């Protein structure tokens, strides 16, 4: 890659992260079902799988990318999996939607883009 190639600004990383967190919280507090349905609820394994995929992507894959554009792609994938964990748990597992929200927010916290800030020196 040449030196004049464009990279994604750190502000974009933060915008993606904050918007995803905002969507998860909005869906939980405003759009989610108020009462637990229980009848056709899926097990907690659905959001848990998304949580584990997102977490493993943060721990194992994102640190391997040295180029910011490739890291940004992995970041977007991981953040979307983390957001999906929180959002899907509200609608698919309403009995345990609080647990799904906590898993989604914890997974999003792992993706706080402080690693995207260029190092000085």
PDB file of N, CA and C in Angstrom:
ATOM      1  N   UNK A   1       0.830  -1.164   0.000  1.00  0.00           N
ATOM      2  CA  UNK A   1       0.000   0.000   0.000  1.00  0.00           C
ATOM      3  C   UNK A   1       0.884   1.238   0.000  1.00  0.00           C
ATOM      4  N   UNK A   2       0.540   2.245  -0.791  1.00  0.00           N
ATOM      5  CA  UNK A   2       1.383   3.428  -0.816  1.00  0.00           C
ATOM      6  C   UNK A   2       1.029   4.369   0.328  1.00  0.00           C
ATOM      7  N   UNK A   3       1.905   5.361   0.538  1.00  0.00           N
ATOM      8  CA  UNK A   3       1.764   6.244   1.689  1.00  0.00           C
ATOM      9  C   UNK A   3       0.592   7.208   1.533  1.00  0.00           C
ATOM     10  N   UNK A   4       0.108   7.410   0.324  1.00  0.00           N
ATOM     11  CA  UNK A   4      -0.989   8.361   0.125  1.00  0.00           C
ATOM     12  C   UNK A   4      -2.359   7.699   0.235  1.00  0.00           C
ATOM     13  N   UNK A   5      -2.405   6.438   0.569  1.00  0.00           N
ATOM     14  CA  UNK A   5      -3.689   5.742   0.696  1.00  0.00           C
ATOM     15  C   UNK A   5      -4.486   6.333   1.853  1.00  0.00           C
ATOM     16  N   UNK A   6      -5.780   6.436   1.653  1.00  0.00           N
ATOM     17  CA  UNK A   6      -6.643   7.015   2.678  1.00  0.00           C
ATOM     18  C   UNK A   6      -6.933   5.982   3.754  1.00  0.00           C
ATOM     19  N   UNK A   7      -6.960   6.442   4.982  1.00  0.00           N
ATOM     20  CA  UNK A   7      -7.329   5.579   6.092  1.00  0.00           C
ATOM     21  C   UNK A   7      -8.582   6.141   6.745  1.00  0.00           C
ATOM     22  N   UNK A   8      -9.272   5.298   7.453  1.00  0.00           N
ATOM     23  CA  UNK A   8     -10.491   5.712   8.128  1.00  0.00           C
ATOM     24  C   UNK A   8     -10.126   6.551   9.348  1.00  0.00           C
ATOM     25  N   UNK A   9     -10.675   7.765   9.459  1.00  0.00           N
ATOM     26  CA  UNK A   9     -10.362   8.598  10.637  1.00  0.00           C
ATOM     27  C   UNK A   9     -10.877   7.968  11.925  1.00  0.00           C
ATOM     28  N   UNK A  10     -10.225   8.274  13.011  1.00  0.00           N
ATOM     29  CA  UNK A  10     -10.603   7.727  14.314  1.00  0.00           C
ATOM     30  C   UNK A  10     -12.026   8.163  14.672  1.00  0.00           C
ATOM     31  N   UNK A  11     -12.438   9.348  14.255  1.00  0.00           N
ATOM     32  CA  UNK A  11     -13.788   9.823  14.540  1.00  0.00           C
ATOM     33  C   UNK A  11     -14.848   8.879  13.965  1.00  0.00           C
ATOM     34  N   UNK A  12     -14.587   8.303  12.809  1.00  0.00           N
ATOM     35  CA  UNK A  12     -15.538   7.365  12.197  1.00  0.00           C
ATOM     36  C   UNK A  12     -15.652   6.103  13.047  1.00  0.00           C
ATOM     37  N   UNK A  13     -14.528   5.631  13.582  1.00  0.00           N
ATOM     38  CA  UNK A  13     -14.562   4.468  14.458  1.00  0.00           C
ATOM     39  C   UNK A  13     -15.465   4.745  15.658  1.00  0.00           C
ATOM     40  N   UNK A  14     -15.310   5.929  16.277  1.00  0.00           N
ATOM     41  CA  UNK A  14     -16.120   6.302  17.429  1.00  0.00           C
ATOM     42  C   UNK A  14     -17.581   6.461  17.056  1.00  0.00           C
ATOM     43  N   UNK A  15     -17.869   7.041  15.903  1.00  0.00           N
ATOM     44  CA  UNK A  15     -19.261   7.212  15.475  1.00  0.00           C
ATOM     45  C   UNK A  15     -19.943   5.865  15.302  1.00  0.00           C
ATOM     46  N   UNK A  16     -19.264   4.921  14.668  1.00  0.00           N
ATOM     47  CA  UNK A  16     -19.829   3.578  14.478  1.00  0.00           C
ATOM     48  C   UNK A  16     -20.106   2.931  15.831  1.00  0.00           C
ATOM     49  N   UNK A  17     -19.181   3.076  16.751  1.00  0.00           N
ATOM     50  CA  UNK A  17     -19.340   2.455  18.065  1.00  0.00           C
ATOM     51  C   UNK A  17     -20.487   3.089  18.852  1.00  0.00           C
ATOM     52  N   UNK A  18     -20.531   4.412  18.898  1.00  0.00           N
ATOM     53  CA  UNK A  18     -21.559   5.108  19.678  1.00  0.00           C
ATOM     54  C   UNK A  18     -22.951   4.867  19.083  1.00  0.00           C
ATOM     55  N   UNK A  19     -23.067   4.903  17.761  1.00  0.00           N
ATOM     56  CA  UNK A  19     -24.370   4.671  17.126  1.00  0.00           C
ATOM     57  C   UNK A  19     -24.856   3.250  17.403  1.00  0.00           C
ATOM     58  N   UNK A  20     -23.968   2.278  17.331  1.00  0.00           N
ATOM     59  CA  UNK A  20     -24.366   0.897  17.613  1.00  0.00           C
ATOM     60  C   UNK A  20     -24.817   0.736  19.058  1.00  0.00           C
ATOM     61  N   UNK A  21     -24.082   1.321  19.983  1.00  0.00           N
ATOM     62  CA  UNK A  21     -24.487   1.270  21.389  1.00  0.00           C
ATOM     63  C   UNK A  21     -25.824   1.970  21.594  1.00  0.00           C
ATOM     64  N   UNK A  22     -26.017   3.097  20.941  1.00  0.00           N
ATOM     65  CA  UNK A  22     -27.279   3.814  21.047  1.00  0.00           C
ATOM     66  C   UNK A  22     -28.447   3.015  20.502  1.00  0.00           C
ATOM     67  N   UNK A  23     -28.234   2.323  19.400  1.00  0.00           N
ATOM     68  CA  UNK A  23     -29.301   1.495  18.821  1.00  0.00           C
ATOM     69  C   UNK A  23     -29.676   0.358  19.762  1.00  0.00           C
ATOM     70  N   UNK A  24     -28.683  -0.282  20.346  1.00  0.00           N
ATOM     71  CA  UNK A  24     -28.965  -1.390  21.276  1.00  0.00           C
ATOM     72  C   UNK A  24     -29.777  -0.887  22.461  1.00  0.00           C
ATOM     73  N   UNK A  25     -29.383   0.247  23.024  1.00  0.00           N
ATOM     74  CA  UNK A  25     -30.110   0.780  24.175  1.00  0.00           C
ATOM     75  C   UNK A  25     -31.505   1.268  23.784  1.00  0.00           C
ATOM     76  N   UNK A  26     -31.638   1.880  22.617  1.00  0.00           N
ATOM     77  CA  UNK A  26     -32.940   2.347  22.143  1.00  0.00           C
ATOM     78  C   UNK A  26     -33.896   1.175  21.941  1.00  0.00           C
ATOM     79  N   UNK A  27     -33.410   0.135  21.313  1.00  0.00           N
ATOM     80  CA  UNK A  27     -34.262  -1.033  21.074  1.00  0.00           C
ATOM     81  C   UNK A  27     -34.683  -1.657  22.394  1.00  0.00           C
ATOM     82  N   UNK A  28     -33.768  -1.729  23.339  1.00  0.00           N
ATOM     83  CA  UNK A  28     -34.113  -2.349  24.630  1.00  0.00           C
ATOM     84  C   UNK A  28     -35.150  -1.524  25.384  1.00  0.00           C
ATOM     85  N   UNK A  29     -34.939  -0.215  25.476  1.00  0.00           N
ATOM     86  CA  UNK A  29     -35.804   0.606  26.313  1.00  0.00           C
ATOM     87  C   UNK A  29     -37.082   1.078  25.616  1.00  0.00           C
ATOM     88  N   UNK A  30     -37.080   1.212  24.295  1.00  0.00           N
ATOM     89  CA  UNK A  30     -38.245   1.776  23.617  1.00  0.00           C
ATOM     90  C   UNK A  30     -39.023   0.776  22.760  1.00  0.00           C
ATOM     91  N   UNK A  31     -38.355  -0.132  22.094  1.00  0.00           N
ATOM     92  CA  UNK A  31     -39.037  -1.014  21.155  1.00  0.00           C
ATOM     93  C   UNK A  31     -39.275  -2.424  21.657  1.00  0.00           C
ATOM     94  N   UNK A  32     -38.567  -2.812  22.671  1.00  0.00           N
ATOM     95  CA  UNK A  32     -38.655  -4.189  23.152  1.00  0.00           C
ATOM     96  C   UNK A  32     -39.988  -4.488  23.796  1.00  0.00           C
ATOM     97  N   UNK A  33     -40.375  -5.748  23.779  1.00  0.00           N
ATOM     98  CA  UNK A  33     -41.638  -6.128  24.419  1.00  0.00           C
ATOM     99  C   UNK A  33     -41.579  -5.865  25.918  1.00  0.00           C
ATOM    100  N   UNK A  34     -42.672  -5.353  26.446  1.00  0.00           N
ATOM    101  CA  UNK A  34     -42.709  -5.000  27.868  1.00  0.00           C
ATOM    102  C   UNK A  34     -42.824  -6.241  28.752  1.00  0.00           C
ATOM    103  N   UNK A  35     -43.636  -7.154  28.360  1.00  0.00           N
ATOM    104  CA  UNK A  35     -43.839  -8.359  29.168  1.00  0.00           C
ATOM    105  C   UNK A  35     -43.173  -9.545  28.481  1.00  0.00           C
ATOM    106  N   UNK A  36     -42.724 -10.465  29.281  1.00  0.00           N
ATOM    107  CA  UNK A  36     -42.103 -11.666  28.731  1.00  0.00           C
ATOM    108  C   UNK A  36     -43.185 -12.542  28.104  1.00  0.00           C
ATOM    109  N   UNK A  37     -42.887 -13.008  26.896  1.00  0.00           N
ATOM    110  CA  UNK A  37     -43.874 -13.842  26.206  1.00  0.00           C
ATOM    111  C   UNK A  37     -43.770 -15.290  26.650  1.00  0.00           C
ATOM    112  N   UNK A  38     -42.565 -15.826  26.670  1.00  0.00           N
ATOM    113  CA  UNK A  38     -42.338 -17.159  27.179  1.00  0.00           C
ATOM    114  C   UNK A  38     -42.794 -18.292  26.286  1.00  0.00           C
ATOM    115  N   UNK A  39     -43.847 -18.118  25.529  1.00  0.00           N
ATOM    116  CA  UNK A  39     -44.420 -19.211  24.754  1.00  0.00           C
ATOM    117  C   UNK A  39     -43.512 -19.659  23.616  1.00  0.00           C
ATOM    118  N   UNK A  40     -43.009 -18.736  22.837  1.00  0.00           N
ATOM    119  CA  UNK A  40     -42.201 -19.090  21.671  1.00  0.00           C
ATOM    120  C   UNK A  40     -40.782 -18.541  21.771  1.00  0.00           C
ATOM    121  N   UNK A  41     -40.304 -18.323  22.951  1.00  0.00           N
ATOM    122  CA  UNK A  41     -38.985 -17.753  23.140  1.00  0.00           C
ATOM    123  C   UNK A  41     -37.902 -18.792  22.840  1.00  0.00           C
ATOM    124  N   UNK A  42     -36.865 -18.330  22.181  1.00  0.00           N
ATOM    125  CA  UNK A  42     -35.707 -19.187  21.912  1.00  0.00           C
ATOM    126  C   UNK A  42     -34.806 -19.207  23.136  1.00  0.00           C
ATOM    127  N   UNK A  43     -33.952 -20.190  23.243  1.00  0.00           N
ATOM    128  CA  UNK A  43     -33.057 -20.229  24.395  1.00  0.00           C
ATOM    129  C   UNK A  43     -32.029 -19.101  24.348  1.00  0.00           C
ATOM    130  N   UNK A  44     -31.413 -18.866  25.466  1.00  0.00           N
ATOM    131  CA  UNK A  44     -30.404 -17.814  25.580  1.00  0.00           C
ATOM    132  C   UNK A  44     -29.180 -18.106  24.718  1.00  0.00           C
ATOM    133  N   UNK A  45     -29.096 -19.286  24.163  1.00  0.00           N
ATOM    134  CA  UNK A  45     -27.936 -19.656  23.354  1.00  0.00           C
ATOM    135  C   UNK A  45     -27.785 -18.788  22.105  1.00  0.00           C
ATOM    136  N   UNK A  46     -28.886 -18.248  21.598  1.00  0.00           N
ATOM    137  CA  UNK A  46     -28.806 -17.432  20.377  1.00  0.00           C
ATOM    138  C   UNK A  46     -27.974 -16.174  20.620  1.00  0.00           C
ATOM    139  N   UNK A  47     -28.302 -15.322  21.613  1.00  0.00           N
ATOM    140  CA  UNK A  47     -27.436 -14.173  21.848  1.00  0.00           C
ATOM    141  C   UNK A  47     -26.068 -14.565  22.395  1.00  0.00           C
ATOM    142  N   UNK A  48     -26.009 -15.676  23.092  1.00  0.00           N
ATOM    143  CA  UNK A  48     -24.725 -16.108  23.641  1.00  0.00           C
ATOM    144  C   UNK A  48     -23.741 -16.463  22.538  1.00  0.00           C
ATOM    145  N   UNK A  49     -24.217 -17.084  21.472  1.00  0.00           N
ATOM    146  CA  UNK A  49     -23.347 -17.405  20.338  1.00  0.00           C
ATOM    147  C   UNK A  49     -22.815 -16.124  19.696  1.00  0.00           C
ATOM    148  N   UNK A  50     -23.676 -15.123  19.529  1.00  0.00           N
ATOM    149  CA  UNK A  50     -23.225 -13.844  18.976  1.00  0.00           C
ATOM    150  C   UNK A  50     -22.215 -13.166  19.897  1.00  0.00           C
ATOM    151  N   UNK A  51     -22.439 -13.265  21.201  1.00  0.00           N
ATOM    152  CA  UNK A  51     -21.503 -12.703  22.169  1.00  0.00           C
ATOM    153  C   UNK A  51     -20.135 -13.374  22.060  1.00  0.00           C
ATOM    154  N   UNK A  52     -20.129 -14.693  21.962  1.00  0.00           N
ATOM    155  CA  UNK A  52     -18.860 -15.422  21.863  1.00  0.00           C
ATOM    156  C   UNK A  52     -18.147 -15.144  20.541  1.00  0.00           C
ATOM    157  N   UNK A  53     -18.891 -15.047  19.451  1.00  0.00           N
ATOM    158  CA  UNK A  53     -18.279 -14.721  18.163  1.00  0.00           C
ATOM    159  C   UNK A  53     -17.673 -13.319  18.182  1.00  0.00           C
ATOM    160  N   UNK A  54     -18.401 -12.378  18.741  1.00  0.00           N
ATOM    161  CA  UNK A  54     -17.909 -11.011  18.814  1.00  0.00           C
ATOM    162  C   UNK A  54     -16.667 -10.925  19.706  1.00  0.00           C
ATOM    163  N   UNK A  55     -16.729 -11.568  20.848  1.00  0.00           N
ATOM    164  CA  UNK A  55     -15.586 -11.546  21.758  1.00  0.00           C
ATOM    165  C   UNK A  55     -14.357 -12.223  21.196  1.00  0.00           C
ATOM    166  N   UNK A  56     -14.554 -13.342  20.510  1.00  0.00           N
ATOM    167  CA  UNK A  56     -13.395 -14.022  19.918  1.00  0.00           C
ATOM    168  C   UNK A  56     -12.813 -13.198  18.776  1.00  0.00           C
ATOM    169  N   UNK A  57     -13.659 -12.488  18.046  1.00  0.00           N
ATOM    170  CA  UNK A  57     -13.144 -11.607  17.001  1.00  0.00           C
ATOM    171  C   UNK A  57     -12.301 -10.487  17.562  1.00  0.00           C
ATOM    172  N   UNK A  58     -12.700  -9.953  18.712  1.00  0.00           N
ATOM    173  CA  UNK A  58     -11.938  -8.870  19.347  1.00  0.00           C
ATOM    174  C   UNK A  58     -10.616  -9.370  19.882  1.00  0.00           C
ATOM    175  N   UNK A  59     -10.621 -10.531  20.469  1.00  0.00           N
ATOM    176  CA  UNK A  59      -9.417 -11.052  21.114  1.00  0.00           C
ATOM    177  C   UNK A  59      -8.447 -11.672  20.109  1.00  0.00           C
ATOM    178  N   UNK A  60      -8.974 -12.452  19.151  1.00  0.00           N
ATOM    179  CA  UNK A  60      -8.094 -13.221  18.284  1.00  0.00           C
ATOM    180  C   UNK A  60      -7.821 -12.593  16.926  1.00  0.00           C
ATOM    181  N   UNK A  61      -8.798 -11.889  16.344  1.00  0.00           N
ATOM    182  CA  UNK A  61      -8.634 -11.436  14.969  1.00  0.00           C
ATOM    183  C   UNK A  61      -8.260  -9.969  14.841  1.00  0.00           C
ATOM    184  N   UNK A  62      -8.904  -9.097  15.582  1.00  0.00           N
ATOM    185  CA  UNK A  62      -8.654  -7.669  15.429  1.00  0.00           C
ATOM    186  C   UNK A  62      -7.211  -7.272  15.730  1.00  0.00           C
ATOM    187  N   UNK A  63      -6.557  -7.812  16.760  1.00  0.00           N
ATOM    188  CA  UNK A  63      -5.166  -7.423  17.007  1.00  0.00           C
ATOM    189  C   UNK A  63      -4.190  -7.852  15.905  1.00  0.00           C
ATOM    190  N   UNK A  64      -4.556  -8.794  15.074  1.00  0.00           N
ATOM    191  CA  UNK A  64      -3.650  -9.265  14.023  1.00  0.00           C
ATOM    192  C   UNK A  64      -3.513  -8.289  12.870  1.00  0.00           C
ATOM    193  N   UNK A  65      -4.517  -7.441  12.665  1.00  0.00           N
ATOM    194  CA  UNK A  65      -4.502  -6.529  11.526  1.00  0.00           C
ATOM    195  C   UNK A  65      -3.686  -5.288  11.865  1.00  0.00           C
ATOM    196  N   UNK A  66      -2.635  -5.069  11.098  1.00  0.00           N
ATOM    197  CA  UNK A  66      -1.786  -3.893  11.300  1.00  0.00           C
ATOM    198  C   UNK A  66      -2.251  -2.726  10.435  1.00  0.00           C
ATOM    199  N   UNK A  67      -2.880  -3.027   9.298  1.00  0.00           N
ATOM    200  CA  UNK A  67      -3.404  -1.971   8.445  1.00  0.00           C
ATOM    201  C   UNK A  67      -4.763  -1.544   8.987  1.00  0.00           C
ATOM    202  N   UNK A  68      -4.974  -0.239   9.066  1.00  0.00           N
ATOM    203  CA  UNK A  68      -6.199   0.272   9.690  1.00  0.00           C
ATOM    204  C   UNK A  68      -7.451  -0.053   8.890  1.00  0.00           C
ATOM    205  N   UNK A  69      -7.356  -0.124   7.572  1.00  0.00           N
ATOM    206  CA  UNK A  69      -8.544  -0.422   6.774  1.00  0.00           C
ATOM    207  C   UNK A  69      -9.028  -1.852   7.012  1.00  0.00           C
ATOM    208  N   UNK A  70      -8.095  -2.790   7.086  1.00  0.00           N
ATOM    209  CA  UNK A  70      -8.488  -4.176   7.387  1.00  0.00           C
ATOM    210  C   UNK A  70      -8.990  -4.300   8.822  1.00  0.00           C
ATOM    211  N   UNK A  71      -8.362  -3.568   9.730  1.00  0.00           N
ATOM    212  CA  UNK A  71      -8.812  -3.583  11.122  1.00  0.00           C
ATOM    213  C   UNK A  71     -10.200  -2.958  11.239  1.00  0.00           C
ATOM    214  N   UNK A  72     -10.485  -1.939  10.430  1.00  0.00           N
ATOM    215  CA  UNK A  72     -11.797  -1.305  10.482  1.00  0.00           C
ATOM    216  C   UNK A  72     -12.883  -2.269  10.016  1.00  0.00           C
ATOM    217  N   UNK A  73     -12.572  -3.089   9.031  1.00  0.00           N
ATOM    218  CA  UNK A  73     -13.532  -4.088   8.581  1.00  0.00           C
ATOM    219  C   UNK A  73     -13.818  -5.101   9.688  1.00  0.00           C
ATOM    220  N   UNK A  74     -12.781  -5.567  10.359  1.00  0.00           N
ATOM    221  CA  UNK A  74     -12.974  -6.501  11.473  1.00  0.00           C
ATOM    222  C   UNK A  74     -13.720  -5.820  12.622  1.00  0.00           C
ATOM    223  N   UNK A  75     -13.435  -4.548  12.835  1.00  0.00           N
ATOM    224  CA  UNK A  75     -14.117  -3.784  13.874  1.00  0.00           C
ATOM    225  C   UNK A  75     -15.612  -3.678  13.584  1.00  0.00           C
ATOM    226  N   UNK A  76     -15.965  -3.360  12.348  1.00  0.00           N
ATOM    227  CA  UNK A  76     -17.380  -3.246  11.985  1.00  0.00           C
ATOM    228  C   UNK A  76     -18.100  -4.583  12.141  1.00  0.00           C
ATOM    229  N   UNK A  77     -17.450  -5.661  11.759  1.00  0.00           N
ATOM    230  CA  UNK A  77     -18.055  -6.981  11.905  1.00  0.00           C
ATOM    231  C   UNK A  77     -18.279  -7.321  13.375  1.00  0.00           C
ATOM    232  N   UNK A  78     -17.279  -7.081  14.194  1.00  0.00           N
ATOM    233  CA  UNK A  78     -17.410  -7.382  15.620  1.00  0.00           C
ATOM    234  C   UNK A  78     -18.447  -6.521  16.318  1.00  0.00           C
ATOM    235  N   UNK A  79     -18.486  -5.240  15.967  1.00  0.00           N
ATOM    236  CA  UNK A  79     -19.473  -4.346  16.576  1.00  0.00           C
ATOM    237  C   UNK A  79     -20.882  -4.750  16.151  1.00  0.00           C
ATOM    238  N   UNK A  80     -21.036  -5.158  14.905  1.00  0.00           N
ATOM    239  CA  UNK A  80     -22.373  -5.578  14.461  1.00  0.00           C
ATOM    240  C   UNK A  80     -22.803  -6.874  15.151  1.00  0.00           C
ATOM    241  N   UNK A  81     -21.885  -7.789  15.379  1.00  0.00           N
ATOM    242  CA  UNK A  81     -22.219  -9.008  16.125  1.00  0.00           C
ATOM    243  C   UNK A  81     -22.591  -8.672  17.571  1.00  0.00           C
ATOM    244  N   UNK A  82     -21.853  -7.748  18.176  1.00  0.00           N
ATOM    245  CA  UNK A  82     -22.150  -7.347  19.545  1.00  0.00           C
ATOM    246  C   UNK A  82     -23.507  -6.653  19.629  1.00  0.00           C
ATOM    247  N   UNK A  83     -23.787  -5.775  18.673  1.00  0.00           N
ATOM    248  CA  UNK A  83     -25.082  -5.120  18.646  1.00  0.00           C
ATOM    249  C   UNK A  83     -26.204  -6.105  18.382  1.00  0.00           C
ATOM    250  N   UNK A  84     -25.954  -7.059  17.522  1.00  0.00           N
ATOM    251  CA  UNK A  84     -26.950  -8.090  17.243  1.00  0.00           C
ATOM    252  C   UNK A  84     -27.268  -8.912  18.470  1.00  0.00           C
ATOM    253  N   UNK A  85     -26.283  -9.130  19.303  1.00  0.00           N
ATOM    254  CA  UNK A  85     -26.508  -9.867  20.547  1.00  0.00           C
ATOM    255  C   UNK A  85     -27.508  -9.131  21.416  1.00  0.00           C
ATOM    256  N   UNK A  86     -27.342  -7.829  21.570  1.00  0.00           N
ATOM    257  CA  UNK A  86     -28.263  -7.058  22.392  1.00  0.00           C
ATOM    258  C   UNK A  86     -29.641  -6.925  21.786  1.00  0.00           C
ATOM    259  N   UNK A  87     -29.703  -6.685  20.481  1.00  0.00           N
ATOM    260  CA  UNK A  87     -30.990  -6.477  19.819  1.00  0.00           C
ATOM    261  C   UNK A  87     -31.771  -7.785  19.694  1.00  0.00           C
ATOM    262  N   UNK A  88     -31.108  -8.840  19.282  1.00  0.00           N
ATOM    263  CA  UNK A  88     -31.808 -10.114  19.105  1.00  0.00           C
ATOM    264  C   UNK A  88     -32.332 -10.664  20.426  1.00  0.00           C
ATOM    265  N   UNK A  89     -31.622 -10.415  21.505  1.00  0.00           N
ATOM    266  CA  UNK A  89     -32.084 -10.933  22.788  1.00  0.00           C
ATOM    267  C   UNK A  89     -33.375 -10.270  23.234  1.00  0.00           C
ATOM    268  N   UNK A  90     -33.603  -9.027  22.822  1.00  0.00           N
ATOM    269  CA  UNK A  90     -34.837  -8.340  23.207  1.00  0.00           C
ATOM    270  C   UNK A  90     -36.044  -9.016  22.570  1.00  0.00           C
ATOM    271  N   UNK A  91     -35.921  -9.413  21.322  1.00  0.00           N
ATOM    272  CA  UNK A  91     -37.070  -9.961  20.605  1.00  0.00           C
ATOM    273  C   UNK A  91     -37.137 -11.489  20.614  1.00  0.00           C
ATOM    274  N   UNK A  92     -35.995 -12.144  20.602  1.00  0.00           N
ATOM    275  CA  UNK A  92     -36.000 -13.600  20.516  1.00  0.00           C
ATOM    276  C   UNK A  92     -36.017 -14.288  21.873  1.00  0.00           C
ATOM    277  N   UNK A  93     -35.447 -13.653  22.870  1.00  0.00           N
ATOM    278  CA  UNK A  93     -35.426 -14.243  24.205  1.00  0.00           C
ATOM    279  C   UNK A  93     -35.940 -13.216  25.215  1.00  0.00           C
ATOM    280  N   UNK A  94     -37.228 -12.856  25.158  1.00  0.00           N
ATOM    281  CA  UNK A  94     -37.724 -11.795  26.034  1.00  0.00           C
ATOM    282  C   UNK A  94     -37.680 -12.140  27.521  1.00  0.00           C
ATOM    283  N   UNK A  95     -37.650 -13.406  27.846  1.00  0.00           N
ATOM    284  CA  UNK A  95     -37.572 -13.786  29.260  1.00  0.00           C
ATOM    285  C   UNK A  95     -36.216 -13.430  29.861  1.00  0.00           C
ATOM    286  N   UNK A  96     -35.206 -13.461  29.056  1.00  0.00           N
ATOM    287  CA  UNK A  96     -33.846 -13.173  29.525  1.00  0.00           C
ATOM    288  C   UNK A  96     -33.254 -11.987  28.782  1.00  0.00           C
ATOM    289  N   UNK A  97     -34.083 -11.006  28.446  1.00  0.00           N
ATOM    290  CA  UNK A  97     -33.585  -9.891  27.642  1.00  0.00           C
ATOM    291  C   UNK A  97     -32.581  -9.029  28.393  1.00  0.00           C
ATOM    292  N   UNK A  98     -32.643  -8.999  29.715  1.00  0.00           N
ATOM    293  CA  UNK A  98     -31.677  -8.219  30.484  1.00  0.00           C
ATOM    294  C   UNK A  98     -30.291  -8.846  30.363  1.00  0.00           C
ATOM    295  N   UNK A  99     -30.233 -10.151  30.415  1.00  0.00           N
ATOM    296  CA  UNK A  99     -28.952 -10.843  30.261  1.00  0.00           C
ATOM    297  C   UNK A  99     -28.386 -10.596  28.865  1.00  0.00           C
ATOM    298  N   UNK A 100     -29.245 -10.662  27.853  1.00  0.00           N
ATOM    299  CA  UNK A 100     -28.795 -10.384  26.497  1.00  0.00           C
ATOM    300  C   UNK A 100     -28.313  -8.961  26.329  1.00  0.00           C
ATOM    301  N   UNK A 101     -28.986  -8.005  26.972  1.00  0.00           N
ATOM    302  CA  UNK A 101     -28.538  -6.618  26.911  1.00  0.00           C
ATOM    303  C   UNK A 101     -27.170  -6.468  27.560  1.00  0.00           C
ATOM    304  N   UNK A 102     -26.986  -7.076  28.713  1.00  0.00           N
ATOM    305  CA  UNK A 102     -25.694  -6.994  29.405  1.00  0.00           C
ATOM    306  C   UNK A 102     -24.597  -7.622  28.555  1.00  0.00           C
ATOM    307  N   UNK A 103     -24.880  -8.773  27.940  1.00  0.00           N
ATOM    308  CA  UNK A 103     -23.885  -9.406  27.074  1.00  0.00           C
ATOM    309  C   UNK A 103     -23.553  -8.517  25.879  1.00  0.00           C
ATOM    310  N   UNK A 104     -24.565  -7.920  25.271  1.00  0.00           N
ATOM    311  CA  UNK A 104     -24.337  -7.044  24.128  1.00  0.00           C
ATOM    312  C   UNK A 104     -23.534  -5.809  24.492  1.00  0.00           C
ATOM    313  N   UNK A 105     -23.863  -5.182  25.620  1.00  0.00           N
ATOM    314  CA  UNK A 105     -23.135  -3.982  26.035  1.00  0.00           C
ATOM    315  C   UNK A 105     -21.709  -4.334  26.447  1.00  0.00           C
ATOM    316  N   UNK A 106     -21.523  -5.438  27.148  1.00  0.00           N
ATOM    317  CA  UNK A 106     -20.161  -5.856  27.507  1.00  0.00           C
ATOM    318  C   UNK A 106     -19.319  -6.139  26.271  1.00  0.00           C
ATOM    319  N   UNK A 107     -19.931  -6.763  25.291  1.00  0.00           N
ATOM    320  CA  UNK A 107     -19.217  -7.040  24.054  1.00  0.00           C
ATOM    321  C   UNK A 107     -18.886  -5.745  23.323  1.00  0.00           C
ATOM    322  N   UNK A 108     -19.789  -4.783  23.354  1.00  0.00           N
ATOM    323  CA  UNK A 108     -19.500  -3.482  22.735  1.00  0.00           C
ATOM    324  C   UNK A 108     -18.410  -2.734  23.491  1.00  0.00           C
ATOM    325  N   UNK A 109     -18.385  -2.864  24.800  1.00  0.00           N
ATOM    326  CA  UNK A 109     -17.341  -2.203  25.590  1.00  0.00           C
ATOM    327  C   UNK A 109     -15.962  -2.744  25.205  1.00  0.00           C
ATOM    328  N   UNK A 110     -15.898  -4.012  24.846  1.00  0.00           N
ATOM    329  CA  UNK A 110     -14.619  -4.587  24.412  1.00  0.00           C
ATOM    330  C   UNK A 110     -14.132  -3.943  23.116  1.00  0.00           C
ATOM    331  N   UNK A 111     -15.045  -3.367  22.351  1.00  0.00           N
ATOM    332  CA  UNK A 111     -14.687  -2.759  21.075  1.00  0.00           C
ATOM    333  C   UNK A 111     -14.521  -1.244  21.150  1.00  0.00           C
ATOM    334  N   UNK A 112     -14.404  -0.668  22.338  1.00  0.00           N
ATOM    335  CA  UNK A 112     -14.168   0.773  22.432  1.00  0.00           C
ATOM    336  C   UNK A 112     -12.920   1.081  21.613  1.00  0.00           C
ATOM    337  N   UNK A 113     -13.024   1.992  20.639  1.00  0.00           N
ATOM    338  CA  UNK A 113     -11.931   2.137  19.665  1.00  0.00           C
ATOM    339  C   UNK A 113     -10.731   2.951  20.136  1.00  0.00           C
ATOM    340  N   UNK A 114     -10.268   2.715  21.359  1.00  0.00           N
ATOM    341  CA  UNK A 114      -9.060   3.411  21.796  1.00  0.00           C
ATOM    342  C   UNK A 114      -7.822   2.846  21.101  1.00  0.00           C
ATOM    343  N   UNK A 115      -7.925   1.647  20.578  1.00  0.00           N
ATOM    344  CA  UNK A 115      -6.792   1.040  19.871  1.00  0.00           C
ATOM    345  C   UNK A 115      -6.585   1.670  18.506  1.00  0.00           C
ATOM    346  N   UNK A 116      -7.564   2.416  17.992  1.00  0.00           N
ATOM    347  CA  UNK A 116      -7.467   3.023  16.662  1.00  0.00           C
ATOM    348  C   UNK A 116      -6.691   4.333  16.673  1.00  0.00           C
ATOM    349  N   UNK A 117      -6.454   4.872  17.864  1.00  0.00           N
ATOM    350  CA  UNK A 117      -5.731   6.132  17.965  1.00  0.00           C
ATOM    351  C   UNK A 117      -4.272   5.884  17.611  1.00  0.00           C
ATOM    352  N   UNK A 118      -3.717   6.670  16.670  1.00  0.00           N
ATOM    353  CA  UNK A 118      -2.318   6.459  16.289  1.00  0.00           C
ATOM    354  C   UNK A 118      -1.388   6.698  17.467  1.00  0.00           C
ATOM    355  N   UNK A 119      -0.372   5.872  17.570  1.00  0.00           N
ATOM    356  CA  UNK A 119       0.593   5.984  18.652  1.00  0.00           C
ATOM    357  C   UNK A 119       1.622   7.062  18.313  1.00  0.00           C
ATOM    358  N   UNK A 120       1.957   7.881  19.301  1.00  0.00           N
ATOM    359  CA  UNK A 120       2.963   8.934  19.113  1.00  0.00           C
ATOM    360  C   UNK A 120       4.342   8.373  19.422  1.00  0.00           C
ATOM    361  N   UNK A 121       5.279   8.711  18.605  1.00  0.00           N
ATOM    362  CA  UNK A 121       6.665   8.353  18.861  1.00  0.00           C
ATOM    363  C   UNK A 121       6.973   7.004  18.411  1.00  0.00           C
TER     364      UNK A 121
END
